[in-house]
């Protein structure tokens, strides 16, 4: 839920007025951290391939 909310906020900021550069970088960095965490969880949940 947080990732989708953050995506929406970044998209809204991108189409409206651009926030200050520091806020923009922080939002994008937070989105990347969340995306990496989601990918890591998905990899952990997938069954391992037999060797």
PDB file of N, CA and C in Angstrom:
ATOM      1  N   UNK A   1       0.821  -1.183   0.000  1.00  0.00           N
ATOM      2  CA  UNK A   1       0.000   0.000   0.000  1.00  0.00           C
ATOM      3  C   UNK A   1       0.868   1.250   0.000  1.00  0.00           C
ATOM      4  N   UNK A   2       1.909   1.248   0.817  1.00  0.00           N
ATOM      5  CA  UNK A   2       2.778   2.424   0.890  1.00  0.00           C
ATOM      6  C   UNK A   2       3.463   2.691  -0.442  1.00  0.00           C
ATOM      7  N   UNK A   3       3.872   1.632  -1.133  1.00  0.00           N
ATOM      8  CA  UNK A   3       4.558   1.799  -2.417  1.00  0.00           C
ATOM      9  C   UNK A   3       3.631   2.448  -3.440  1.00  0.00           C
ATOM     10  N   UNK A   4       2.398   1.993  -3.497  1.00  0.00           N
ATOM     11  CA  UNK A   4       1.433   2.569  -4.444  1.00  0.00           C
ATOM     12  C   UNK A   4       1.137   4.025  -4.106  1.00  0.00           C
ATOM     13  N   UNK A   5       1.014   4.325  -2.821  1.00  0.00           N
ATOM     14  CA  UNK A   5       0.780   5.711  -2.401  1.00  0.00           C
ATOM     15  C   UNK A   5       1.954   6.597  -2.783  1.00  0.00           C
ATOM     16  N   UNK A   6       3.160   6.091  -2.595  1.00  0.00           N
ATOM     17  CA  UNK A   6       4.352   6.855  -2.931  1.00  0.00           C
ATOM     18  C   UNK A   6       4.453   7.067  -4.439  1.00  0.00           C
ATOM     19  N   UNK A   7       4.141   6.050  -5.217  1.00  0.00           N
ATOM     20  CA  UNK A   7       4.118   6.194  -6.677  1.00  0.00           C
ATOM     21  C   UNK A   7       3.135   7.276  -7.108  1.00  0.00           C
ATOM     22  N   UNK A   8       1.952   7.256  -6.505  1.00  0.00           N
ATOM     23  CA  UNK A   8       0.934   8.252  -6.847  1.00  0.00           C
ATOM     24  C   UNK A   8       1.408   9.654  -6.488  1.00  0.00           C
ATOM     25  N   UNK A   9       2.037   9.805  -5.341  1.00  0.00           N
ATOM     26  CA  UNK A   9       2.539  11.109  -4.919  1.00  0.00           C
ATOM     27  C   UNK A   9       3.618  11.617  -5.867  1.00  0.00           C
ATOM     28  N   UNK A  10       4.538  10.745  -6.262  1.00  0.00           N
ATOM     29  CA  UNK A  10       5.605  11.140  -7.177  1.00  0.00           C
ATOM     30  C   UNK A  10       5.025  11.506  -8.538  1.00  0.00           C
ATOM     31  N   UNK A  11       4.054  10.725  -9.007  1.00  0.00           N
ATOM     32  CA  UNK A  11       3.418  11.036 -10.293  1.00  0.00           C
ATOM     33  C   UNK A  11       2.691  12.372 -10.245  1.00  0.00           C
ATOM     34  N   UNK A  12       1.988  12.614  -9.139  1.00  0.00           N
ATOM     35  CA  UNK A  12       1.283  13.880  -8.978  1.00  0.00           C
ATOM     36  C   UNK A  12       2.252  15.048  -8.949  1.00  0.00           C
ATOM     37  N   UNK A  13       3.351  14.892  -8.227  1.00  0.00           N
ATOM     38  CA  UNK A  13       4.347  15.962  -8.143  1.00  0.00           C
ATOM     39  C   UNK A  13       5.004  16.192  -9.503  1.00  0.00           C
ATOM     40  N   UNK A  14       5.197  15.120 -10.253  1.00  0.00           N
ATOM     41  CA  UNK A  14       5.815  15.253 -11.560  1.00  0.00           C
ATOM     42  C   UNK A  14       4.932  15.972 -12.554  1.00  0.00           C
ATOM     43  N   UNK A  15       3.627  15.774 -12.456  1.00  0.00           N
ATOM     44  CA  UNK A  15       2.727  16.408 -13.409  1.00  0.00           C
ATOM     45  C   UNK A  15       2.343  17.823 -12.979  1.00  0.00           C
ATOM     46  N   UNK A  16       2.377  18.104 -11.685  1.00  0.00           N
ATOM     47  CA  UNK A  16       2.059  19.437 -11.172  1.00  0.00           C
ATOM     48  C   UNK A  16       3.356  20.236 -11.055  1.00  0.00           C
ATOM     49  N   UNK A  17       3.469  20.961 -10.006  1.00  0.00           N
ATOM     50  CA  UNK A  17       4.695  21.719  -9.751  1.00  0.00           C
ATOM     51  C   UNK A  17       5.737  20.775  -9.159  1.00  0.00           C
ATOM     52  N   UNK A  18       6.963  20.919  -9.579  1.00  0.00           N
ATOM     53  CA  UNK A  18       8.054  20.083  -9.076  1.00  0.00           C
ATOM     54  C   UNK A  18       8.428  20.571  -7.683  1.00  0.00           C
ATOM     55  N   UNK A  19       8.454  19.663  -6.684  1.00  0.00           N
ATOM     56  CA  UNK A  19       8.863  20.080  -5.350  1.00  0.00           C
ATOM     57  C   UNK A  19      10.354  20.395  -5.333  1.00  0.00           C
ATOM     58  N   UNK A  20      10.837  20.870  -4.221  1.00  0.00           N
ATOM     59  CA  UNK A  20      12.264  21.180  -4.172  1.00  0.00           C
ATOM     60  C   UNK A  20      13.068  19.913  -4.448  1.00  0.00           C
ATOM     61  N   UNK A  21      14.263  20.066  -4.992  1.00  0.00           N
ATOM     62  CA  UNK A  21      15.054  18.895  -5.414  1.00  0.00           C
ATOM     63  C   UNK A  21      15.338  17.905  -4.291  1.00  0.00           C
ATOM     64  N   UNK A  22      15.544  18.390  -3.081  1.00  0.00           N
ATOM     65  CA  UNK A  22      15.837  17.481  -1.974  1.00  0.00           C
ATOM     66  C   UNK A  22      14.639  16.586  -1.670  1.00  0.00           C
ATOM     67  N   UNK A  23      13.452  17.149  -1.617  1.00  0.00           N
ATOM     68  CA  UNK A  23      12.241  16.364  -1.381  1.00  0.00           C
ATOM     69  C   UNK A  23      12.026  15.366  -2.506  1.00  0.00           C
ATOM     70  N   UNK A  24      12.248  15.797  -3.725  1.00  0.00           N
ATOM     71  CA  UNK A  24      12.094  14.937  -4.906  1.00  0.00           C
ATOM     72  C   UNK A  24      13.024  13.726  -4.805  1.00  0.00           C
ATOM     73  N   UNK A  25      14.289  13.969  -4.470  1.00  0.00           N
ATOM     74  CA  UNK A  25      15.255  12.865  -4.341  1.00  0.00           C
ATOM     75  C   UNK A  25      14.873  11.928  -3.218  1.00  0.00           C
ATOM     76  N   UNK A  26      14.415  12.476  -2.098  1.00  0.00           N
ATOM     77  CA  UNK A  26      14.021  11.628  -0.968  1.00  0.00           C
ATOM     78  C   UNK A  26      12.837  10.746  -1.324  1.00  0.00           C
ATOM     79  N   UNK A  27      11.849  11.298  -2.014  1.00  0.00           N
ATOM     80  CA  UNK A  27      10.689  10.501  -2.426  1.00  0.00           C
ATOM     81  C   UNK A  27      11.110   9.377  -3.363  1.00  0.00           C
ATOM     82  N   UNK A  28      11.946   9.696  -4.331  1.00  0.00           N
ATOM     83  CA  UNK A  28      12.380   8.683  -5.299  1.00  0.00           C
ATOM     84  C   UNK A  28      13.234   7.618  -4.623  1.00  0.00           C
ATOM     85  N   UNK A  29      14.095   8.026  -3.681  1.00  0.00           N
ATOM     86  CA  UNK A  29      14.934   7.060  -2.974  1.00  0.00           C
ATOM     87  C   UNK A  29      14.073   6.122  -2.137  1.00  0.00           C
ATOM     88  N   UNK A  30      13.061   6.685  -1.452  1.00  0.00           N
ATOM     89  CA  UNK A  30      12.162   5.868  -0.641  1.00  0.00           C
ATOM     90  C   UNK A  30      11.414   4.866  -1.516  1.00  0.00           C
ATOM     91  N   UNK A  31      11.001   5.306  -2.704  1.00  0.00           N
ATOM     92  CA  UNK A  31      10.306   4.405  -3.627  1.00  0.00           C
ATOM     93  C   UNK A  31      11.227   3.258  -4.043  1.00  0.00           C
ATOM     94  N   UNK A  32      12.495   3.548  -4.310  1.00  0.00           N
ATOM     95  CA  UNK A  32      13.438   2.492  -4.687  1.00  0.00           C
ATOM     96  C   UNK A  32      13.662   1.500  -3.550  1.00  0.00           C
ATOM     97  N   UNK A  33      13.766   2.006  -2.320  1.00  0.00           N
ATOM     98  CA  UNK A  33      13.948   1.132  -1.163  1.00  0.00           C
ATOM     99  C   UNK A  33      12.755   0.196  -1.016  1.00  0.00           C
ATOM    100  N   UNK A  34      11.557   0.742  -1.163  1.00  0.00           N
ATOM    101  CA  UNK A  34      10.353  -0.085  -1.058  1.00  0.00           C
ATOM    102  C   UNK A  34      10.277  -1.111  -2.184  1.00  0.00           C
ATOM    103  N   UNK A  35      10.626  -0.696  -3.397  1.00  0.00           N
ATOM    104  CA  UNK A  35      10.590  -1.627  -4.533  1.00  0.00           C
ATOM    105  C   UNK A  35      11.579  -2.775  -4.320  1.00  0.00           C
ATOM    106  N   UNK A  36      12.776  -2.447  -3.820  1.00  0.00           N
ATOM    107  CA  UNK A  36      13.757  -3.490  -3.553  1.00  0.00           C
ATOM    108  C   UNK A  36      13.269  -4.453  -2.472  1.00  0.00           C
ATOM    109  N   UNK A  37      12.629  -3.917  -1.436  1.00  0.00           N
ATOM    110  CA  UNK A  37      12.098  -4.769  -0.375  1.00  0.00           C
ATOM    111  C   UNK A  37      11.011  -5.692  -0.906  1.00  0.00           C
ATOM    112  N   UNK A  38      10.139  -5.168  -1.779  1.00  0.00           N
ATOM    113  CA  UNK A  38       9.089  -6.005  -2.373  1.00  0.00           C
ATOM    114  C   UNK A  38       9.686  -7.117  -3.229  1.00  0.00           C
ATOM    115  N   UNK A  39      10.685  -6.786  -4.025  1.00  0.00           N
ATOM    116  CA  UNK A  39      11.325  -7.801  -4.870  1.00  0.00           C
ATOM    117  C   UNK A  39      12.004  -8.872  -4.026  1.00  0.00           C
ATOM    118  N   UNK A  40      12.644  -8.466  -2.931  1.00  0.00           N
ATOM    119  CA  UNK A  40      13.312  -9.426  -2.049  1.00  0.00           C
ATOM    120  C   UNK A  40      12.281 -10.371  -1.425  1.00  0.00           C
ATOM    121  N   UNK A  41      11.149  -9.833  -0.979  1.00  0.00           N
ATOM    122  CA  UNK A  41      10.100 -10.672  -0.411  1.00  0.00           C
ATOM    123  C   UNK A  41       9.526 -11.637  -1.433  1.00  0.00           C
ATOM    124  N   UNK A  42       9.325 -11.163  -2.657  1.00  0.00           N
ATOM    125  CA  UNK A  42       8.804 -12.047  -3.709  1.00  0.00           C
ATOM    126  C   UNK A  42       9.772 -13.182  -3.994  1.00  0.00           C
ATOM    127  N   UNK A  43      11.073 -12.892  -4.029  1.00  0.00           N
ATOM    128  CA  UNK A  43      12.067 -13.958  -4.253  1.00  0.00           C
ATOM    129  C   UNK A  43      12.050 -14.974  -3.124  1.00  0.00           C
ATOM    130  N   UNK A  44      11.885 -14.511  -1.889  1.00  0.00           N
ATOM    131  CA  UNK A  44      11.860 -15.420  -0.748  1.00  0.00           C
ATOM    132  C   UNK A  44      10.626 -16.310  -0.762  1.00  0.00           C
ATOM    133  N   UNK A  45       9.523 -15.805  -1.287  1.00  0.00           N
ATOM    134  CA  UNK A  45       8.285 -16.563  -1.299  1.00  0.00           C
ATOM    135  C   UNK A  45       8.207 -17.571  -2.445  1.00  0.00           C
ATOM    136  N   UNK A  46       8.982 -17.361  -3.486  1.00  0.00           N
ATOM    137  CA  UNK A  46       8.959 -18.277  -4.629  1.00  0.00           C
ATOM    138  C   UNK A  46       9.667 -19.564  -4.262  1.00  0.00           C
ATOM    139  N   UNK A  47       9.102 -20.701  -4.667  1.00  0.00           N
ATOM    140  CA  UNK A  47       9.761 -21.985  -4.368  1.00  0.00           C
ATOM    141  C   UNK A  47      11.095 -22.087  -5.118  1.00  0.00           C
ATOM    142  N   UNK A  48      12.046 -22.719  -4.484  1.00  0.00           N
ATOM    143  CA  UNK A  48      13.363 -22.886  -5.097  1.00  0.00           C
ATOM    144  C   UNK A  48      13.300 -23.955  -6.192  1.00  0.00           C
ATOM    145  N   UNK A  49      14.044 -23.730  -7.254  1.00  0.00           N
ATOM    146  CA  UNK A  49      14.125 -24.701  -8.351  1.00  0.00           C
ATOM    147  C   UNK A  49      14.932 -25.917  -7.870  1.00  0.00           C
ATOM    148  N   UNK A  50      14.490 -27.119  -8.195  1.00  0.00           N
ATOM    149  CA  UNK A  50      15.311 -28.293  -7.831  1.00  0.00           C
ATOM    150  C   UNK A  50      16.620 -28.288  -8.608  1.00  0.00           C
ATOM    151  N   UNK A  51      17.657 -28.726  -7.969  1.00  0.00           N
ATOM    152  CA  UNK A  51      18.993 -28.711  -8.585  1.00  0.00           C
ATOM    153  C   UNK A  51      19.178 -29.830  -9.572  1.00  0.00           C
TER     154      UNK A  51
END
